[in-house]
Amino acid sequence: MPLSADARPEDRGVVAGQDDPRTYHAFVTLFPDDEACVRYIERLRWPAGFVCSACGNNGGPWRASRERRVCPACHKQVRLGAGTLFDKTRTPLTAWFEAAWHMTTAKNGRSAKTLERTLGTSDRVAWTILQRYRVARVRAQRERLDGNVEVDETLVGGVEPGGKRGRGCQATPEVDPLATRRIAPLAGHRGCGFVVDGARPDEARATFLAQAIALPADG
């Protein structure tokens, strides 16, 4: 099939707070089909329009297929999904996008079984999508938090009937501080969490500062 000239993607990239659906109705409206998902990936990949990584040409690419673009200057081919979780996937992009929406909006997360019923896929496809997203969300070499950091905690472990609750309970529950840094208004958060052996406030604070916070040079 001959290549056809394709118009330049939208001039602006994805804007936080404007292009992230807050309700399921808004999600379905924004991503009704795979073509809408492809356009969204284009905006993420080339926020200011297509730029060829080989020759630097910024002219509108040719569209060889739904997911392949060709530079009109040097004819280098680029897969939109290259280097992403969607590369060479046979699962519709709408399923990937919907799974991401449910995972990031559900307070208690989503299980593979729930995704299977929600997306109408097989259990293997639902499990694969869920597992890939979980792995992608972990930053092995993540830097420490800085700037404005919000801190909270949760206690892991129960108390015996009639015993004292909270930090002073006899069971001495583990304290799990959760820290998040607000990157920008409405742009999401980056966070970390870890377990502290001991329930005293000074112990939790010392471990938190040692593991999560990037302190200034003067301390």
N, C-alpha and C. Protein backbone atom coordinates (compact mmCIF):
# COMPACT_ATOMS: atom_id res chain seq x y z
N MET A 1 0.85 -1.19 0.00
CA MET A 1 0.00 0.00 0.00
C MET A 1 0.89 1.24 0.00
N PRO A 2 0.67 2.19 -0.88
CA PRO A 2 1.53 3.37 -0.93
C PRO A 2 1.37 4.22 0.31
N LEU A 3 2.48 4.92 0.64
CA LEU A 3 2.45 5.78 1.80
C LEU A 3 1.64 7.03 1.49
N SER A 4 0.95 7.52 2.48
CA SER A 4 0.16 8.74 2.30
C SER A 4 0.69 9.81 3.22
N ALA A 5 0.66 11.05 2.75
CA ALA A 5 1.13 12.15 3.60
C ALA A 5 0.18 12.31 4.78
N ASP A 6 0.78 12.52 5.94
CA ASP A 6 -0.02 12.66 7.16
C ASP A 6 0.18 14.04 7.74
N ALA A 7 -0.86 14.61 8.22
CA ALA A 7 -0.74 15.95 8.80
C ALA A 7 0.06 15.89 10.09
N ARG A 8 0.70 17.01 10.40
CA ARG A 8 1.46 17.11 11.64
C ARG A 8 0.53 16.88 12.83
N PRO A 9 0.99 16.14 13.87
CA PRO A 9 0.16 15.99 15.06
C PRO A 9 -0.11 17.35 15.68
N GLU A 10 -0.98 17.38 16.67
CA GLU A 10 -1.34 18.65 17.30
C GLU A 10 -0.10 19.37 17.78
N ASP A 11 -0.12 20.69 17.68
CA ASP A 11 1.07 21.48 17.96
C ASP A 11 1.51 21.41 19.41
N ARG A 12 0.63 21.12 20.31
CA ARG A 12 1.02 21.06 21.71
C ARG A 12 1.00 19.64 22.22
N GLY A 13 1.79 19.40 23.26
CA GLY A 13 1.81 18.08 23.87
C GLY A 13 0.66 17.92 24.84
N VAL A 14 0.71 16.85 25.62
CA VAL A 14 -0.32 16.59 26.61
C VAL A 14 -0.16 17.57 27.77
N VAL A 15 -1.24 18.21 28.17
CA VAL A 15 -1.23 19.20 29.24
C VAL A 15 -1.91 18.62 30.47
N ALA A 16 -1.16 18.56 31.58
CA ALA A 16 -1.72 18.06 32.82
C ALA A 16 -2.87 18.94 33.28
N GLY A 17 -3.93 18.29 33.72
CA GLY A 17 -5.10 19.03 34.18
C GLY A 17 -6.11 19.29 33.09
N GLN A 18 -5.68 19.18 31.83
CA GLN A 18 -6.60 19.40 30.71
C GLN A 18 -6.83 18.12 29.91
N ASP A 19 -5.80 17.32 29.79
CA ASP A 19 -5.88 16.12 28.95
C ASP A 19 -5.91 14.83 29.75
N ASP A 20 -6.15 14.92 31.05
CA ASP A 20 -6.27 13.71 31.87
C ASP A 20 -7.70 13.62 32.39
N PRO A 21 -8.47 12.64 31.94
CA PRO A 21 -9.88 12.54 32.34
C PRO A 21 -10.03 12.25 33.82
N ARG A 22 -10.93 12.95 34.47
CA ARG A 22 -11.17 12.77 35.91
C ARG A 22 -12.32 11.82 36.19
N THR A 23 -13.18 11.57 35.21
CA THR A 23 -14.31 10.65 35.37
C THR A 23 -14.27 9.62 34.25
N TYR A 24 -14.99 8.52 34.48
CA TYR A 24 -15.01 7.48 33.45
C TYR A 24 -15.69 7.98 32.18
N HIS A 25 -16.72 8.80 32.34
CA HIS A 25 -17.40 9.37 31.17
C HIS A 25 -16.42 10.21 30.35
N ALA A 26 -15.60 11.02 31.04
CA ALA A 26 -14.62 11.84 30.35
C ALA A 26 -13.58 10.96 29.66
N PHE A 27 -13.22 9.86 30.30
CA PHE A 27 -12.24 8.94 29.69
C PHE A 27 -12.78 8.36 28.39
N VAL A 28 -14.01 7.87 28.43
CA VAL A 28 -14.60 7.27 27.23
C VAL A 28 -14.74 8.31 26.12
N THR A 29 -15.04 9.55 26.49
CA THR A 29 -15.16 10.61 25.50
C THR A 29 -13.81 10.93 24.86
N LEU A 30 -12.75 10.93 25.68
CA LEU A 30 -11.42 11.28 25.18
C LEU A 30 -10.78 10.15 24.38
N PHE A 31 -11.07 8.90 24.75
CA PHE A 31 -10.46 7.74 24.07
C PHE A 31 -11.54 6.77 23.60
N PRO A 32 -12.32 7.16 22.60
CA PRO A 32 -13.40 6.29 22.13
C PRO A 32 -12.91 5.09 21.32
N ASP A 33 -11.71 5.20 20.73
CA ASP A 33 -11.21 4.12 19.88
C ASP A 33 -9.68 4.15 19.86
N ASP A 34 -9.10 3.17 19.16
CA ASP A 34 -7.64 3.08 19.10
C ASP A 34 -7.00 4.27 18.41
N GLU A 35 -7.69 4.85 17.44
CA GLU A 35 -7.14 6.00 16.73
C GLU A 35 -6.93 7.18 17.68
N ALA A 36 -7.85 7.38 18.60
CA ALA A 36 -7.70 8.45 19.58
C ALA A 36 -6.51 8.18 20.50
N CYS A 37 -6.30 6.90 20.84
CA CYS A 37 -5.16 6.53 21.67
C CYS A 37 -3.85 6.78 20.93
N VAL A 38 -3.83 6.48 19.62
CA VAL A 38 -2.64 6.71 18.81
C VAL A 38 -2.30 8.19 18.77
N ARG A 39 -3.31 9.05 18.59
CA ARG A 39 -3.06 10.50 18.55
C ARG A 39 -2.51 10.99 19.89
N TYR A 40 -3.00 10.41 20.97
CA TYR A 40 -2.51 10.79 22.30
C TYR A 40 -1.05 10.41 22.47
N ILE A 41 -0.68 9.19 22.01
CA ILE A 41 0.72 8.76 22.08
C ILE A 41 1.61 9.67 21.24
N GLU A 42 1.10 10.09 20.08
CA GLU A 42 1.85 11.03 19.24
C GLU A 42 2.16 12.31 19.99
N ARG A 43 1.18 12.82 20.70
CA ARG A 43 1.37 14.07 21.44
C ARG A 43 2.35 13.88 22.60
N LEU A 44 2.36 12.69 23.19
CA LEU A 44 3.31 12.42 24.25
C LEU A 44 4.73 12.29 23.70
N ARG A 45 4.84 11.64 22.55
CA ARG A 45 6.16 11.37 21.98
C ARG A 45 6.75 12.61 21.33
N TRP A 46 5.93 13.39 20.66
CA TRP A 46 6.40 14.60 19.97
C TRP A 46 5.55 15.79 20.41
N PRO A 47 5.80 16.35 21.59
CA PRO A 47 4.97 17.44 22.11
C PRO A 47 4.90 18.66 21.19
N ALA A 48 5.97 18.94 20.47
CA ALA A 48 5.99 20.10 19.58
C ALA A 48 5.86 19.69 18.12
N GLY A 49 5.43 18.48 17.85
CA GLY A 49 5.34 18.00 16.49
C GLY A 49 6.44 17.00 16.17
N PHE A 50 6.25 16.23 15.12
CA PHE A 50 7.19 15.18 14.74
C PHE A 50 8.59 15.73 14.47
N VAL A 51 9.59 15.04 15.02
CA VAL A 51 10.99 15.34 14.75
C VAL A 51 11.70 14.02 14.51
N CYS A 52 12.34 13.86 13.36
CA CYS A 52 13.04 12.63 13.03
C CYS A 52 14.31 12.50 13.88
N SER A 53 14.47 11.35 14.53
CA SER A 53 15.64 11.14 15.37
C SER A 53 16.91 10.90 14.56
N ALA A 54 16.76 10.61 13.27
CA ALA A 54 17.93 10.33 12.42
C ALA A 54 18.48 11.59 11.76
N CYS A 55 17.59 12.39 11.16
CA CYS A 55 18.07 13.56 10.41
C CYS A 55 17.61 14.89 10.99
N GLY A 56 16.74 14.85 11.99
CA GLY A 56 16.28 16.08 12.61
C GLY A 56 15.18 16.80 11.87
N ASN A 57 14.69 16.21 10.79
CA ASN A 57 13.61 16.84 10.03
C ASN A 57 12.35 16.96 10.89
N ASN A 58 11.72 18.12 10.83
CA ASN A 58 10.51 18.33 11.62
C ASN A 58 9.27 18.52 10.75
N GLY A 59 9.36 18.03 9.52
CA GLY A 59 8.19 18.07 8.66
C GLY A 59 7.22 16.97 9.02
N GLY A 60 5.99 17.10 8.60
CA GLY A 60 4.98 16.10 8.89
C GLY A 60 5.38 14.74 8.33
N PRO A 61 5.28 13.66 9.12
CA PRO A 61 5.70 12.34 8.65
C PRO A 61 4.65 11.71 7.74
N TRP A 62 5.09 10.75 6.96
CA TRP A 62 4.16 9.90 6.23
C TRP A 62 3.61 8.86 7.18
N ARG A 63 2.41 8.45 6.91
CA ARG A 63 1.76 7.44 7.74
C ARG A 63 1.73 6.12 6.97
N ALA A 64 2.62 5.20 7.33
CA ALA A 64 2.70 3.92 6.65
C ALA A 64 1.63 2.95 7.16
N SER A 65 1.27 3.09 8.41
CA SER A 65 0.22 2.27 9.02
C SER A 65 -0.27 3.03 10.24
N ARG A 66 -1.15 2.43 10.99
CA ARG A 66 -1.68 3.12 12.16
C ARG A 66 -0.58 3.48 13.15
N GLU A 67 0.43 2.62 13.29
CA GLU A 67 1.44 2.83 14.31
C GLU A 67 2.84 3.09 13.74
N ARG A 68 2.98 3.19 12.43
CA ARG A 68 4.30 3.45 11.83
C ARG A 68 4.30 4.79 11.13
N ARG A 69 5.33 5.58 11.42
CA ARG A 69 5.52 6.86 10.76
C ARG A 69 6.85 6.84 10.00
N VAL A 70 6.90 7.53 8.87
CA VAL A 70 8.09 7.55 8.03
C VAL A 70 8.51 9.00 7.80
N CYS A 71 9.78 9.29 8.05
CA CYS A 71 10.30 10.63 7.82
C CYS A 71 10.33 10.89 6.31
N PRO A 72 9.75 11.97 5.85
CA PRO A 72 9.73 12.25 4.41
C PRO A 72 11.10 12.64 3.85
N ALA A 73 12.06 12.98 4.73
CA ALA A 73 13.38 13.41 4.27
C ALA A 73 14.34 12.24 4.11
N CYS A 74 14.47 11.42 5.16
CA CYS A 74 15.44 10.31 5.11
C CYS A 74 14.78 8.94 5.05
N HIS A 75 13.47 8.91 5.13
CA HIS A 75 12.67 7.68 5.04
C HIS A 75 12.88 6.73 6.22
N LYS A 76 13.38 7.24 7.33
CA LYS A 76 13.50 6.40 8.53
C LYS A 76 12.11 6.11 9.07
N GLN A 77 11.88 4.84 9.43
CA GLN A 77 10.59 4.43 9.96
C GLN A 77 10.63 4.41 11.50
N VAL A 78 9.53 4.84 12.09
CA VAL A 78 9.42 4.90 13.54
C VAL A 78 8.11 4.26 13.96
N ARG A 79 8.19 3.37 14.93
CA ARG A 79 6.98 2.80 15.52
C ARG A 79 6.58 3.66 16.72
N LEU A 80 5.33 4.06 16.76
CA LEU A 80 4.88 4.90 17.86
C LEU A 80 5.08 4.23 19.21
N GLY A 81 4.90 2.93 19.24
CA GLY A 81 5.00 2.22 20.51
C GLY A 81 6.39 1.77 20.87
N ALA A 82 7.39 2.05 20.03
CA ALA A 82 8.76 1.60 20.30
C ALA A 82 9.25 2.15 21.64
N GLY A 83 9.77 1.26 22.48
CA GLY A 83 10.27 1.67 23.78
C GLY A 83 9.20 1.85 24.83
N THR A 84 7.96 1.47 24.52
CA THR A 84 6.86 1.60 25.48
C THR A 84 6.25 0.23 25.75
N LEU A 85 5.32 0.20 26.68
CA LEU A 85 4.62 -1.05 27.00
C LEU A 85 3.73 -1.51 25.85
N PHE A 86 3.41 -0.60 24.94
CA PHE A 86 2.48 -0.92 23.86
C PHE A 86 3.16 -1.47 22.62
N ASP A 87 4.48 -1.56 22.62
CA ASP A 87 5.20 -1.97 21.41
C ASP A 87 4.80 -3.37 20.98
N LYS A 88 4.33 -3.49 19.73
CA LYS A 88 3.96 -4.76 19.11
C LYS A 88 2.85 -5.50 19.84
N THR A 89 2.06 -4.78 20.63
CA THR A 89 0.97 -5.44 21.33
C THR A 89 -0.16 -5.77 20.37
N ARG A 90 -0.82 -6.89 20.61
CA ARG A 90 -2.00 -7.26 19.84
C ARG A 90 -3.28 -6.86 20.54
N THR A 91 -3.15 -6.45 21.77
CA THR A 91 -4.31 -6.01 22.55
C THR A 91 -4.67 -4.58 22.16
N PRO A 92 -5.94 -4.28 21.95
CA PRO A 92 -6.34 -2.92 21.58
C PRO A 92 -5.79 -1.88 22.56
N LEU A 93 -5.39 -0.74 22.03
CA LEU A 93 -4.86 0.31 22.89
C LEU A 93 -5.92 0.82 23.86
N THR A 94 -7.17 0.75 23.46
CA THR A 94 -8.23 1.19 24.37
C THR A 94 -8.24 0.34 25.65
N ALA A 95 -7.91 -0.94 25.52
CA ALA A 95 -7.85 -1.81 26.70
C ALA A 95 -6.69 -1.40 27.61
N TRP A 96 -5.54 -1.09 27.00
CA TRP A 96 -4.39 -0.64 27.78
C TRP A 96 -4.70 0.67 28.50
N PHE A 97 -5.29 1.60 27.78
CA PHE A 97 -5.59 2.91 28.36
C PHE A 97 -6.64 2.78 29.47
N GLU A 98 -7.66 1.97 29.23
CA GLU A 98 -8.70 1.83 30.24
C GLU A 98 -8.15 1.16 31.49
N ALA A 99 -7.29 0.17 31.31
CA ALA A 99 -6.67 -0.49 32.46
C ALA A 99 -5.86 0.51 33.27
N ALA A 100 -5.11 1.38 32.58
CA ALA A 100 -4.32 2.41 33.28
C ALA A 100 -5.23 3.35 34.05
N TRP A 101 -6.36 3.72 33.45
CA TRP A 101 -7.28 4.64 34.13
C TRP A 101 -7.82 4.01 35.40
N HIS A 102 -8.25 2.74 35.30
CA HIS A 102 -8.80 2.07 36.48
C HIS A 102 -7.75 1.89 37.57
N MET A 103 -6.52 1.56 37.18
CA MET A 103 -5.46 1.34 38.16
C MET A 103 -5.11 2.62 38.91
N THR A 104 -5.15 3.74 38.23
CA THR A 104 -4.73 4.99 38.85
C THR A 104 -5.86 5.75 39.55
N THR A 105 -7.09 5.33 39.34
CA THR A 105 -8.21 6.03 39.98
C THR A 105 -8.85 5.20 41.09
N ALA A 106 -8.64 3.90 41.09
CA ALA A 106 -9.24 3.06 42.12
C ALA A 106 -8.47 3.21 43.43
N LYS A 107 -9.16 3.48 44.50
CA LYS A 107 -8.52 3.71 45.79
C LYS A 107 -7.76 2.48 46.27
N ASN A 108 -8.32 1.31 46.03
CA ASN A 108 -7.71 0.07 46.50
C ASN A 108 -7.05 -0.73 45.38
N GLY A 109 -6.79 -0.09 44.25
CA GLY A 109 -6.14 -0.80 43.15
C GLY A 109 -7.11 -1.69 42.39
N ARG A 110 -6.57 -2.46 41.49
CA ARG A 110 -7.37 -3.37 40.68
C ARG A 110 -6.68 -4.72 40.58
N SER A 111 -7.43 -5.78 40.72
CA SER A 111 -6.89 -7.12 40.56
C SER A 111 -7.02 -7.55 39.11
N ALA A 112 -6.25 -8.57 38.73
CA ALA A 112 -6.33 -9.08 37.36
C ALA A 112 -7.72 -9.61 37.05
N LYS A 113 -8.36 -10.23 38.04
CA LYS A 113 -9.70 -10.77 37.82
C LYS A 113 -10.71 -9.66 37.57
N THR A 114 -10.58 -8.56 38.31
CA THR A 114 -11.47 -7.43 38.11
C THR A 114 -11.26 -6.81 36.74
N LEU A 115 -9.99 -6.67 36.33
CA LEU A 115 -9.69 -6.12 35.00
C LEU A 115 -10.23 -7.04 33.91
N GLU A 116 -10.13 -8.33 34.11
CA GLU A 116 -10.65 -9.28 33.12
C GLU A 116 -12.13 -9.05 32.87
N ARG A 117 -12.89 -8.87 33.95
CA ARG A 117 -14.34 -8.64 33.81
C ARG A 117 -14.62 -7.25 33.24
N THR A 118 -13.84 -6.25 33.65
CA THR A 118 -14.08 -4.88 33.21
C THR A 118 -13.76 -4.68 31.74
N LEU A 119 -12.60 -5.22 31.32
CA LEU A 119 -12.14 -5.02 29.94
C LEU A 119 -12.71 -6.02 28.96
N GLY A 120 -13.22 -7.15 29.47
CA GLY A 120 -13.74 -8.18 28.59
C GLY A 120 -12.64 -8.95 27.88
N THR A 121 -11.46 -9.05 28.50
CA THR A 121 -10.34 -9.79 27.93
C THR A 121 -10.19 -11.13 28.63
N SER A 122 -9.22 -11.91 28.19
CA SER A 122 -8.92 -13.15 28.88
C SER A 122 -8.16 -12.85 30.17
N ASP A 123 -8.12 -13.83 31.07
CA ASP A 123 -7.42 -13.62 32.33
C ASP A 123 -5.93 -13.40 32.10
N ARG A 124 -5.38 -14.05 31.08
CA ARG A 124 -3.95 -13.90 30.80
C ARG A 124 -3.62 -12.50 30.31
N VAL A 125 -4.47 -11.95 29.43
CA VAL A 125 -4.24 -10.59 28.94
C VAL A 125 -4.36 -9.59 30.08
N ALA A 126 -5.37 -9.74 30.92
CA ALA A 126 -5.56 -8.82 32.04
C ALA A 126 -4.37 -8.88 32.99
N TRP A 127 -3.90 -10.09 33.28
CA TRP A 127 -2.76 -10.24 34.18
C TRP A 127 -1.50 -9.61 33.58
N THR A 128 -1.29 -9.81 32.28
CA THR A 128 -0.11 -9.25 31.61
C THR A 128 -0.12 -7.73 31.66
N ILE A 129 -1.26 -7.13 31.34
CA ILE A 129 -1.37 -5.66 31.37
C ILE A 129 -1.08 -5.15 32.78
N LEU A 130 -1.71 -5.78 33.76
CA LEU A 130 -1.54 -5.35 35.15
C LEU A 130 -0.08 -5.47 35.58
N GLN A 131 0.55 -6.59 35.25
CA GLN A 131 1.93 -6.81 35.66
C GLN A 131 2.89 -5.83 35.00
N ARG A 132 2.68 -5.55 33.73
CA ARG A 132 3.56 -4.60 33.03
C ARG A 132 3.44 -3.20 33.60
N TYR A 133 2.22 -2.81 33.93
CA TYR A 133 2.04 -1.49 34.52
C TYR A 133 2.70 -1.42 35.90
N ARG A 134 2.55 -2.48 36.68
CA ARG A 134 3.15 -2.48 38.02
C ARG A 134 4.67 -2.37 37.94
N VAL A 135 5.27 -3.10 37.03
CA VAL A 135 6.73 -3.06 36.88
C VAL A 135 7.17 -1.68 36.39
N ALA A 136 6.41 -1.10 35.46
CA ALA A 136 6.79 0.20 34.90
C ALA A 136 6.70 1.31 35.93
N ARG A 137 5.86 1.14 36.94
CA ARG A 137 5.69 2.20 37.93
C ARG A 137 6.80 2.23 38.97
N VAL A 138 7.65 1.20 38.98
CA VAL A 138 8.75 1.14 39.95
C VAL A 138 10.00 1.76 39.34
N ARG A 139 10.57 2.71 40.01
CA ARG A 139 11.80 3.36 39.55
C ARG A 139 12.95 2.84 40.40
N ALA A 140 13.73 1.91 39.85
CA ALA A 140 14.79 1.26 40.62
C ALA A 140 15.85 2.26 41.08
N GLN A 141 16.17 3.25 40.26
CA GLN A 141 17.20 4.22 40.60
C GLN A 141 16.58 5.57 40.95
N ARG A 142 15.44 5.52 41.62
CA ARG A 142 14.74 6.77 41.91
C ARG A 142 15.54 7.65 42.86
N GLU A 143 15.52 8.94 42.58
CA GLU A 143 16.22 9.88 43.44
C GLU A 143 15.36 10.22 44.65
N ARG A 144 15.99 10.80 45.65
CA ARG A 144 15.26 11.15 46.86
C ARG A 144 14.32 12.34 46.60
N LEU A 145 13.34 12.47 47.46
CA LEU A 145 12.36 13.54 47.32
C LEU A 145 12.94 14.87 47.79
N ASP A 146 12.53 15.94 47.13
CA ASP A 146 12.94 17.27 47.57
C ASP A 146 11.79 18.23 47.32
N GLY A 147 12.00 19.49 47.65
CA GLY A 147 10.92 20.45 47.48
C GLY A 147 9.87 20.29 48.56
N ASN A 148 8.61 20.52 48.23
CA ASN A 148 7.51 20.38 49.18
C ASN A 148 7.10 18.91 49.26
N VAL A 149 7.34 18.28 50.39
CA VAL A 149 7.08 16.86 50.58
C VAL A 149 5.96 16.67 51.60
N GLU A 150 4.96 15.88 51.24
CA GLU A 150 3.86 15.56 52.14
C GLU A 150 4.10 14.17 52.73
N VAL A 151 3.90 14.02 54.04
CA VAL A 151 4.21 12.77 54.73
C VAL A 151 2.98 12.26 55.47
N ASP A 152 2.79 10.96 55.42
CA ASP A 152 1.72 10.32 56.18
C ASP A 152 2.23 8.96 56.61
N GLU A 153 1.46 8.23 57.37
CA GLU A 153 1.89 6.91 57.82
C GLU A 153 0.69 6.00 58.00
N THR A 154 0.97 4.71 58.08
CA THR A 154 -0.05 3.73 58.39
C THR A 154 0.56 2.70 59.32
N LEU A 155 -0.24 2.12 60.18
CA LEU A 155 0.24 1.11 61.11
C LEU A 155 -0.15 -0.27 60.62
N VAL A 156 0.82 -1.17 60.55
CA VAL A 156 0.58 -2.52 60.09
C VAL A 156 0.65 -3.45 61.29
N GLY A 157 -0.43 -4.15 61.57
CA GLY A 157 -0.48 -5.03 62.73
C GLY A 157 -1.70 -4.74 63.56
N GLY A 158 -2.23 -5.76 64.21
CA GLY A 158 -3.45 -5.58 64.98
C GLY A 158 -3.17 -5.36 66.45
N VAL A 159 -4.22 -5.13 67.20
CA VAL A 159 -4.11 -4.98 68.65
C VAL A 159 -5.00 -6.02 69.30
N GLU A 160 -4.59 -6.50 70.45
CA GLU A 160 -5.38 -7.48 71.17
C GLU A 160 -6.60 -6.81 71.79
N PRO A 161 -7.70 -7.55 71.93
CA PRO A 161 -8.91 -6.97 72.52
C PRO A 161 -8.61 -6.37 73.89
N GLY A 162 -9.06 -5.16 74.09
CA GLY A 162 -8.86 -4.50 75.37
C GLY A 162 -7.54 -3.78 75.49
N GLY A 163 -6.65 -3.93 74.49
CA GLY A 163 -5.35 -3.29 74.56
C GLY A 163 -5.40 -1.86 74.05
N LYS A 164 -4.27 -1.20 74.17
CA LYS A 164 -4.17 0.18 73.73
C LYS A 164 -3.98 0.23 72.22
N ARG A 165 -4.59 1.20 71.58
CA ARG A 165 -4.50 1.33 70.13
C ARG A 165 -3.38 2.31 69.75
N GLY A 166 -2.99 2.25 68.48
CA GLY A 166 -2.04 3.21 67.94
C GLY A 166 -0.61 2.89 68.27
N ARG A 167 0.24 3.95 68.36
CA ARG A 167 1.67 3.76 68.52
C ARG A 167 2.03 3.03 69.81
N GLY A 168 1.27 3.25 70.86
CA GLY A 168 1.65 2.68 72.15
C GLY A 168 1.10 1.30 72.43
N CYS A 169 0.52 0.64 71.44
CA CYS A 169 -0.07 -0.67 71.69
C CYS A 169 1.02 -1.69 71.97
N GLN A 170 0.68 -2.72 72.73
CA GLN A 170 1.64 -3.73 73.13
C GLN A 170 2.19 -4.51 71.94
N ALA A 171 1.41 -4.62 70.88
CA ALA A 171 1.87 -5.37 69.71
C ALA A 171 2.99 -4.65 68.97
N THR A 172 3.20 -3.36 69.27
CA THR A 172 4.22 -2.54 68.60
C THR A 172 4.15 -2.72 67.09
N PRO A 173 3.11 -2.21 66.47
CA PRO A 173 2.98 -2.38 65.02
C PRO A 173 4.10 -1.68 64.27
N GLU A 174 4.37 -2.17 63.05
CA GLU A 174 5.34 -1.52 62.19
C GLU A 174 4.75 -0.22 61.65
N VAL A 175 5.59 0.78 61.54
CA VAL A 175 5.15 2.06 61.00
C VAL A 175 5.63 2.16 59.57
N ASP A 176 4.72 2.47 58.67
CA ASP A 176 5.05 2.54 57.24
C ASP A 176 4.83 3.96 56.75
N PRO A 177 5.85 4.83 56.83
CA PRO A 177 5.67 6.20 56.34
C PRO A 177 5.53 6.24 54.83
N LEU A 178 4.64 7.06 54.36
CA LEU A 178 4.44 7.25 52.93
C LEU A 178 4.70 8.71 52.62
N ALA A 179 5.64 8.97 51.72
CA ALA A 179 5.99 10.35 51.38
C ALA A 179 5.72 10.59 49.92
N THR A 180 5.15 11.74 49.62
CA THR A 180 4.92 12.10 48.23
C THR A 180 5.38 13.52 47.99
N ARG A 181 5.90 13.77 46.81
CA ARG A 181 6.28 15.12 46.41
C ARG A 181 5.36 15.57 45.30
N ARG A 182 4.71 16.69 45.48
CA ARG A 182 3.84 17.23 44.43
C ARG A 182 4.72 17.86 43.37
N ILE A 183 4.73 17.26 42.18
CA ILE A 183 5.60 17.74 41.12
C ILE A 183 5.14 19.10 40.61
N ALA A 184 3.87 19.24 40.34
CA ALA A 184 3.31 20.50 39.86
C ALA A 184 1.81 20.42 40.09
N PRO A 185 1.12 21.54 40.16
CA PRO A 185 -0.33 21.51 40.37
C PRO A 185 -1.03 20.65 39.32
N LEU A 186 -1.80 19.68 39.79
CA LEU A 186 -2.60 18.80 38.94
C LEU A 186 -1.76 17.89 38.04
N ALA A 187 -0.45 17.82 38.28
CA ALA A 187 0.40 17.01 37.42
C ALA A 187 0.75 15.68 38.06
N GLY A 188 0.15 15.36 39.20
CA GLY A 188 0.42 14.08 39.82
C GLY A 188 1.48 14.17 40.89
N HIS A 189 1.81 13.02 41.47
CA HIS A 189 2.75 12.95 42.56
C HIS A 189 3.81 11.89 42.28
N ARG A 190 4.94 12.04 42.94
CA ARG A 190 5.95 10.98 42.97
C ARG A 190 6.15 10.62 44.43
N GLY A 191 6.06 9.34 44.76
CA GLY A 191 6.09 8.97 46.16
C GLY A 191 6.98 7.79 46.46
N CYS A 192 7.15 7.52 47.74
CA CYS A 192 7.90 6.35 48.19
C CYS A 192 7.32 5.90 49.51
N GLY A 193 7.58 4.67 49.87
CA GLY A 193 7.10 4.14 51.13
C GLY A 193 8.08 3.11 51.66
N PHE A 194 8.18 2.98 52.96
CA PHE A 194 9.10 2.00 53.56
C PHE A 194 8.63 1.68 54.97
N VAL A 195 9.17 0.60 55.52
CA VAL A 195 8.78 0.12 56.85
C VAL A 195 9.81 0.56 57.87
N VAL A 196 9.34 1.03 59.02
CA VAL A 196 10.20 1.43 60.12
C VAL A 196 10.05 0.42 61.24
N ASP A 197 11.17 -0.12 61.71
CA ASP A 197 11.15 -1.05 62.84
C ASP A 197 11.07 -0.25 64.13
N GLY A 198 9.90 -0.21 64.70
CA GLY A 198 9.71 0.58 65.89
C GLY A 198 8.66 1.64 65.65
N ALA A 199 7.95 2.03 66.71
CA ALA A 199 6.82 2.93 66.53
C ALA A 199 7.05 4.31 67.13
N ARG A 200 8.24 4.57 67.66
CA ARG A 200 8.48 5.88 68.25
C ARG A 200 8.63 6.94 67.17
N PRO A 201 8.10 8.13 67.42
CA PRO A 201 8.18 9.19 66.40
C PRO A 201 9.59 9.52 65.97
N ASP A 202 10.54 9.55 66.94
CA ASP A 202 11.91 9.90 66.57
C ASP A 202 12.55 8.83 65.68
N GLU A 203 12.18 7.56 65.89
CA GLU A 203 12.70 6.48 65.05
C GLU A 203 12.16 6.62 63.62
N ALA A 204 10.86 6.89 63.51
CA ALA A 204 10.25 7.05 62.19
C ALA A 204 10.86 8.25 61.46
N ARG A 205 11.07 9.34 62.20
CA ARG A 205 11.61 10.55 61.57
C ARG A 205 13.04 10.31 61.07
N ALA A 206 13.86 9.65 61.88
CA ALA A 206 15.25 9.41 61.49
C ALA A 206 15.34 8.52 60.25
N THR A 207 14.54 7.47 60.23
CA THR A 207 14.55 6.58 59.07
C THR A 207 14.03 7.29 57.84
N PHE A 208 12.99 8.09 58.03
CA PHE A 208 12.40 8.83 56.91
C PHE A 208 13.41 9.79 56.29
N LEU A 209 14.12 10.55 57.12
CA LEU A 209 15.10 11.51 56.61
C LEU A 209 16.25 10.80 55.93
N ALA A 210 16.64 9.63 56.44
CA ALA A 210 17.79 8.91 55.89
C ALA A 210 17.48 8.27 54.55
N GLN A 211 16.22 7.86 54.35
CA GLN A 211 15.89 7.08 53.16
C GLN A 211 15.13 7.84 52.08
N ALA A 212 14.43 8.88 52.45
CA ALA A 212 13.51 9.49 51.49
C ALA A 212 13.81 10.91 51.09
N ILE A 213 14.46 11.68 51.96
CA ILE A 213 14.57 13.12 51.72
C ILE A 213 15.98 13.50 51.29
N ALA A 214 16.06 14.35 50.28
CA ALA A 214 17.33 14.91 49.85
C ALA A 214 17.56 16.19 50.64
N LEU A 215 18.40 16.13 51.65
CA LEU A 215 18.65 17.29 52.51
C LEU A 215 19.58 18.28 51.80
N PRO A 216 19.42 19.57 52.08
CA PRO A 216 20.36 20.55 51.48
C PRO A 216 21.77 20.36 52.01
N ALA A 217 22.74 20.95 51.36
CA ALA A 217 24.14 20.74 51.69
C ALA A 217 24.47 21.18 53.11
N ASP A 218 23.74 22.20 53.61
CA ASP A 218 24.03 22.70 54.96
C ASP A 218 23.28 21.95 56.03
N GLY A 219 22.54 20.85 55.64
CA GLY A 219 21.80 20.04 56.59
C GLY A 219 20.43 20.60 56.90
